[in-house]
Amino acid sequence: MRNISFSLTTAQIRNRTKTVTRRLGWRFLKPGDVLCACEKCQGLKKGETVHRLAIVRVLSVRRERLDAITPGDCVKEGVPDLCPAEFVVMFCRAMRCRRSVDVTRIEWEYVDCNRCGRPFTEEEMASPHSPPDWPGEMICDECYREYEFPCCLCGEYEDDGIADTFVAVTEAYDKELPPGIYRILGNPFYPTPPLGCETLFNRNLERVADLPGHTDTQGFAIGRLCLSCQREFAAGLAGSKDR
């Protein structure tokens, strides 16, 4: 998602009174493109960071003369107190151009979470979620929880669709499968209640460690690990082989 700066109209973006902008460039945009409106994108000084204001979806893009702006578009530009002539003067001073220059008029709509309708936080704008069953849409972190699971070791949320290489077993199914961290050797390795089987396929699991004291499987006998915790166990096993 490309950033677009609004250093002169930051307040209008924050209060969502601006839905149109005019730019000298940006000819490549097309309806449907999604942009992240920021306070400032370029020329940041040492220590400065990008401040994200909103996510917008482009509705229309066209080229026209700067002095063709109408009173209605002054309102959409977020400056209703300016007449077209005053807007042109302001634009020319800021961009150092002539009133007859061709500009790209961009109109957009503001994008909020498609599920709950809540505006995105600045952190969510940096990397918005797109649900796997609804590609192209964006949802907030809270709504994306249904596509995630909490790691039973660190508690961090992870995408539900990741490949599992390790699993935590908290209840002893039989003598051959005591509680512990197991490496998955193949599938299937999980209980299959639809077939009436409540045991694990232990031929596809290899016990590699004891359970950490802080293991939380949310009441289930089997717990999933996030990618970070899986990598830690994989690295630990690789290190033990090298010694």
Protein backbone atom coordinates (compact mmCIF):
# COMPACT_ATOMS: atom_id res chain seq x y z
CA MET A 1 0.00 0.00 0.00
CA ARG A 2 1.48 3.32 -1.12
CA ASN A 3 1.69 6.32 1.23
CA ILE A 4 0.45 9.77 0.22
CA SER A 5 1.28 12.86 2.29
CA PHE A 6 -1.04 15.64 3.50
CA SER A 7 1.30 17.95 5.39
CA LEU A 8 -0.78 21.05 4.61
CA THR A 9 -4.19 19.49 5.28
CA THR A 10 -3.46 17.06 8.11
CA ALA A 11 -6.37 18.31 10.22
CA GLN A 12 -8.84 17.86 7.36
CA ILE A 13 -7.75 14.25 6.90
CA ARG A 14 -8.04 13.59 10.62
CA ASN A 15 -11.59 14.95 10.76
CA ARG A 16 -12.42 13.47 7.35
CA THR A 17 -13.65 16.69 5.77
CA LYS A 18 -11.27 16.26 2.83
CA THR A 19 -12.13 13.74 0.09
CA VAL A 20 -10.32 15.28 -2.91
CA THR A 21 -6.74 16.28 -3.58
CA ARG A 22 -4.91 17.77 -6.54
CA ARG A 23 -1.39 16.63 -7.37
CA LEU A 24 1.11 17.49 -10.08
CA GLY A 25 1.97 13.82 -10.48
CA TRP A 26 0.20 10.60 -9.45
CA ARG A 27 -1.06 9.92 -12.99
CA PHE A 28 -0.65 6.18 -12.46
CA LEU A 29 -3.48 5.96 -9.92
CA LYS A 30 -6.72 4.24 -10.86
CA PRO A 31 -10.09 3.73 -9.15
CA GLY A 32 -9.91 1.01 -6.54
CA ASP A 33 -6.31 1.72 -5.50
CA VAL A 34 -5.85 1.85 -1.73
CA LEU A 35 -3.57 4.47 -0.18
CA CYS A 36 -2.41 5.33 3.30
CA ALA A 37 -2.81 9.03 4.01
CA CYS A 38 0.14 10.28 6.08
CA GLU A 39 1.16 13.57 7.61
CA LYS A 40 4.57 13.47 5.94
CA CYS A 41 6.23 10.77 3.83
CA GLN A 42 9.43 12.33 2.51
CA GLY A 43 12.08 14.64 3.86
CA LEU A 44 11.87 13.19 7.35
CA LYS A 45 14.58 14.38 9.71
CA LYS A 46 16.64 12.02 11.84
CA GLY A 47 14.40 10.56 14.52
CA GLU A 48 11.15 11.47 12.73
CA THR A 49 8.71 8.73 11.77
CA VAL A 50 5.80 8.47 9.37
CA HIS A 51 2.51 9.39 11.05
CA ARG A 52 -0.38 7.54 9.41
CA LEU A 53 -3.74 9.33 9.37
CA ALA A 54 -6.21 7.15 7.45
CA ILE A 55 -6.64 4.49 4.80
CA VAL A 56 -8.47 5.65 1.67
CA ARG A 57 -9.76 3.94 -1.46
CA VAL A 58 -9.55 5.89 -4.73
CA LEU A 59 -12.92 6.51 -6.38
CA SER A 60 -11.89 8.55 -9.41
CA VAL A 61 -8.80 9.97 -11.09
CA ARG A 62 -8.69 12.54 -13.88
CA ARG A 63 -6.42 15.23 -15.32
CA GLU A 64 -7.66 18.80 -15.50
CA ARG A 65 -6.41 22.37 -15.30
CA LEU A 66 -5.78 23.68 -11.83
CA ASP A 67 -7.91 26.77 -12.43
CA ALA A 68 -10.86 24.56 -13.40
CA ILE A 69 -11.62 23.90 -9.73
CA THR A 70 -15.21 24.64 -8.67
CA PRO A 71 -16.62 25.94 -5.35
CA GLY A 72 -17.91 22.45 -4.65
CA ASP A 73 -14.43 21.01 -5.02
CA CYS A 74 -13.04 23.62 -2.62
CA VAL A 75 -15.34 22.02 -0.04
CA LYS A 76 -14.14 18.53 -0.99
CA GLU A 77 -10.56 19.78 -0.73
CA GLY A 78 -11.27 20.57 2.91
CA VAL A 79 -11.08 24.36 2.53
CA PRO A 80 -14.71 25.53 2.28
CA ASP A 81 -13.78 29.08 3.25
CA LEU A 82 -11.71 29.53 0.09
CA CYS A 83 -13.14 30.46 -3.29
CA PRO A 84 -11.66 28.80 -6.41
CA ALA A 85 -9.35 31.74 -7.12
CA GLU A 86 -8.02 31.71 -3.56
CA PHE A 87 -7.44 27.98 -3.71
CA VAL A 88 -5.48 28.35 -6.95
CA VAL A 89 -3.26 31.04 -5.37
CA MET A 90 -2.64 28.83 -2.32
CA PHE A 91 -1.80 25.82 -4.50
CA CYS A 92 0.55 27.77 -6.77
CA ARG A 93 2.46 29.21 -3.83
CA ALA A 94 2.85 25.80 -2.19
CA MET A 95 3.76 23.92 -5.38
CA ARG A 96 5.50 26.77 -7.24
CA CYS A 97 3.49 26.33 -10.42
CA ARG A 98 1.22 28.32 -12.71
CA ARG A 99 -2.56 28.49 -12.46
CA SER A 100 -2.92 26.94 -15.90
CA VAL A 101 -0.96 23.79 -15.01
CA ASP A 102 -2.60 20.40 -15.49
CA VAL A 103 -3.10 18.51 -12.23
CA THR A 104 -4.33 15.08 -11.23
CA ARG A 105 -7.63 15.28 -9.37
CA ILE A 106 -7.99 12.34 -6.98
CA GLU A 107 -11.20 11.57 -5.11
CA TRP A 108 -11.47 8.88 -2.44
CA GLU A 109 -13.54 7.34 0.32
CA TYR A 110 -12.27 6.54 3.80
CA VAL A 111 -11.80 2.86 4.60
CA ASP A 112 -12.66 1.45 8.03
CA CYS A 113 -12.78 -2.13 9.29
CA ASN A 114 -15.16 -3.99 7.00
CA ARG A 115 -16.51 -6.07 9.87
CA CYS A 116 -17.07 -3.73 12.83
CA GLY A 117 -16.78 -0.37 11.08
CA ARG A 118 -14.15 0.93 13.49
CA PRO A 119 -11.48 3.27 12.10
CA PHE A 120 -8.04 1.68 11.93
CA THR A 121 -5.44 2.62 14.50
CA GLU A 122 -2.13 3.99 13.26
CA GLU A 123 -0.48 0.66 14.06
CA GLU A 124 -3.14 -1.25 12.08
CA MET A 125 -2.70 1.09 9.10
CA ALA A 126 0.94 0.03 8.84
CA SER A 127 -0.07 -3.56 8.09
CA PRO A 128 -3.84 -4.06 7.73
CA HIS A 129 -5.27 -7.56 7.72
CA SER A 130 -7.09 -9.08 4.77
CA PRO A 131 -9.23 -12.11 5.73
CA PRO A 132 -8.51 -15.27 3.69
CA ASP A 133 -12.20 -15.78 2.94
CA TRP A 134 -12.70 -12.14 1.95
CA PRO A 135 -9.67 -11.10 -0.12
CA GLY A 136 -9.33 -7.43 -0.92
CA GLU A 137 -11.17 -6.28 2.20
CA MET A 138 -9.44 -5.00 5.33
CA ILE A 139 -10.33 -5.70 8.94
CA CYS A 140 -8.95 -4.54 12.29
CA ASP A 141 -6.80 -6.61 14.63
CA GLU A 142 -9.73 -7.46 16.90
CA CYS A 143 -11.91 -8.78 14.05
CA TYR A 144 -8.96 -10.73 12.64
CA ARG A 145 -8.75 -12.74 15.89
CA GLU A 146 -11.13 -15.33 14.41
CA TYR A 147 -8.41 -16.16 11.88
CA GLU A 148 -5.72 -16.52 14.57
CA PHE A 149 -4.91 -18.66 17.57
CA PRO A 150 -3.03 -17.84 20.80
CA CYS A 151 0.32 -19.59 21.12
CA CYS A 152 0.13 -21.92 24.12
CA LEU A 153 3.66 -20.93 25.20
CA CYS A 154 4.07 -17.17 24.69
CA GLY A 155 0.43 -16.12 24.27
CA GLU A 156 1.08 -14.16 21.06
CA TYR A 157 -1.54 -14.51 18.31
CA GLU A 158 -0.56 -16.28 15.10
CA ASP A 159 -2.31 -16.84 11.77
CA ASP A 160 -4.46 -19.96 11.93
CA GLY A 161 -3.22 -21.16 8.54
CA ILE A 162 0.46 -21.60 9.44
CA ALA A 163 2.12 -25.00 9.06
CA ASP A 164 2.63 -26.76 12.40
CA THR A 165 6.00 -28.42 12.99
CA PHE A 166 5.67 -28.71 16.79
CA VAL A 167 2.71 -29.23 19.09
CA ALA A 168 2.22 -29.22 22.86
CA VAL A 169 0.44 -32.19 24.48
CA THR A 170 -0.83 -31.41 27.99
CA GLU A 171 -2.72 -34.61 28.79
CA ALA A 172 -1.29 -38.12 28.72
CA TYR A 173 -3.18 -40.14 26.13
CA ASP A 174 -1.26 -43.33 26.88
CA LYS A 175 2.12 -44.48 28.18
CA GLU A 176 3.73 -43.82 24.80
CA LEU A 177 2.47 -40.24 24.65
CA PRO A 178 3.10 -38.37 27.94
CA PRO A 179 2.73 -34.56 28.16
CA GLY A 180 5.45 -32.59 26.43
CA ILE A 181 6.52 -30.74 23.30
CA TYR A 182 6.37 -32.97 20.24
CA ARG A 183 7.82 -32.58 16.78
CA ILE A 184 5.36 -33.45 14.02
CA LEU A 185 6.79 -36.08 11.72
CA GLY A 186 3.76 -36.48 9.50
CA ASN A 187 0.00 -36.32 9.24
CA PRO A 188 -2.40 -37.15 10.71
CA PHE A 189 -1.23 -36.57 14.27
CA TYR A 190 -4.37 -35.15 15.88
CA PRO A 191 -7.46 -36.71 17.53
CA THR A 192 -10.24 -37.62 15.12
CA PRO A 193 -13.54 -37.35 17.06
CA PRO A 194 -15.68 -37.83 13.92
CA LEU A 195 -14.32 -41.39 13.73
CA GLY A 196 -14.79 -41.94 17.43
CA CYS A 197 -11.04 -42.00 18.10
CA GLU A 198 -9.77 -39.92 21.01
CA THR A 199 -6.09 -40.88 20.78
CA LEU A 200 -3.22 -39.30 18.91
CA PHE A 201 -1.49 -40.97 16.02
CA ASN A 202 1.74 -41.19 18.03
CA ARG A 203 3.64 -42.79 15.17
CA ASN A 204 3.73 -39.30 13.62
CA LEU A 205 4.97 -37.49 16.74
CA GLU A 206 8.36 -37.36 18.42
CA ARG A 207 8.71 -36.01 21.97
CA VAL A 208 11.52 -33.44 22.09
CA ALA A 209 11.05 -31.53 25.37
CA ASP A 210 9.15 -31.24 28.62
CA LEU A 211 6.28 -28.81 28.87
CA PRO A 212 7.28 -25.32 30.05
CA GLY A 213 5.59 -24.30 33.26
CA HIS A 214 3.63 -21.51 31.60
CA THR A 215 1.91 -23.66 28.95
CA ASP A 216 -1.72 -22.60 28.36
CA THR A 217 -3.74 -24.65 25.88
CA GLN A 218 -7.03 -22.89 26.66
CA GLY A 219 -8.44 -26.05 28.23
CA PHE A 220 -7.60 -28.29 25.28
CA ALA A 221 -5.36 -31.36 25.46
CA ILE A 222 -3.32 -30.14 22.51
CA GLY A 223 -1.86 -26.66 22.06
CA ARG A 224 -0.46 -24.96 18.97
CA LEU A 225 2.77 -22.97 18.87
CA CYS A 226 3.39 -19.71 17.00
CA LEU A 227 6.08 -19.60 14.33
CA SER A 228 8.54 -17.85 16.66
CA CYS A 229 8.27 -20.55 19.35
CA GLN A 230 8.47 -23.28 16.71
CA ARG A 231 11.68 -21.75 15.38
CA GLU A 232 13.13 -21.64 18.90
CA PHE A 233 12.54 -25.37 19.39
CA ALA A 234 13.90 -26.13 15.92
CA ALA A 235 17.02 -24.08 16.64
CA GLY A 236 17.45 -25.78 20.03
CA LEU A 237 17.24 -29.21 18.47
CA ALA A 238 19.71 -28.26 15.75
CA GLY A 239 22.11 -26.90 18.36
CA SER A 240 21.92 -30.07 20.45
CA LYS A 241 22.82 -32.17 17.42
CA ASP A 242 25.90 -30.03 16.74
CA ARG A 243 27.26 -30.51 20.24
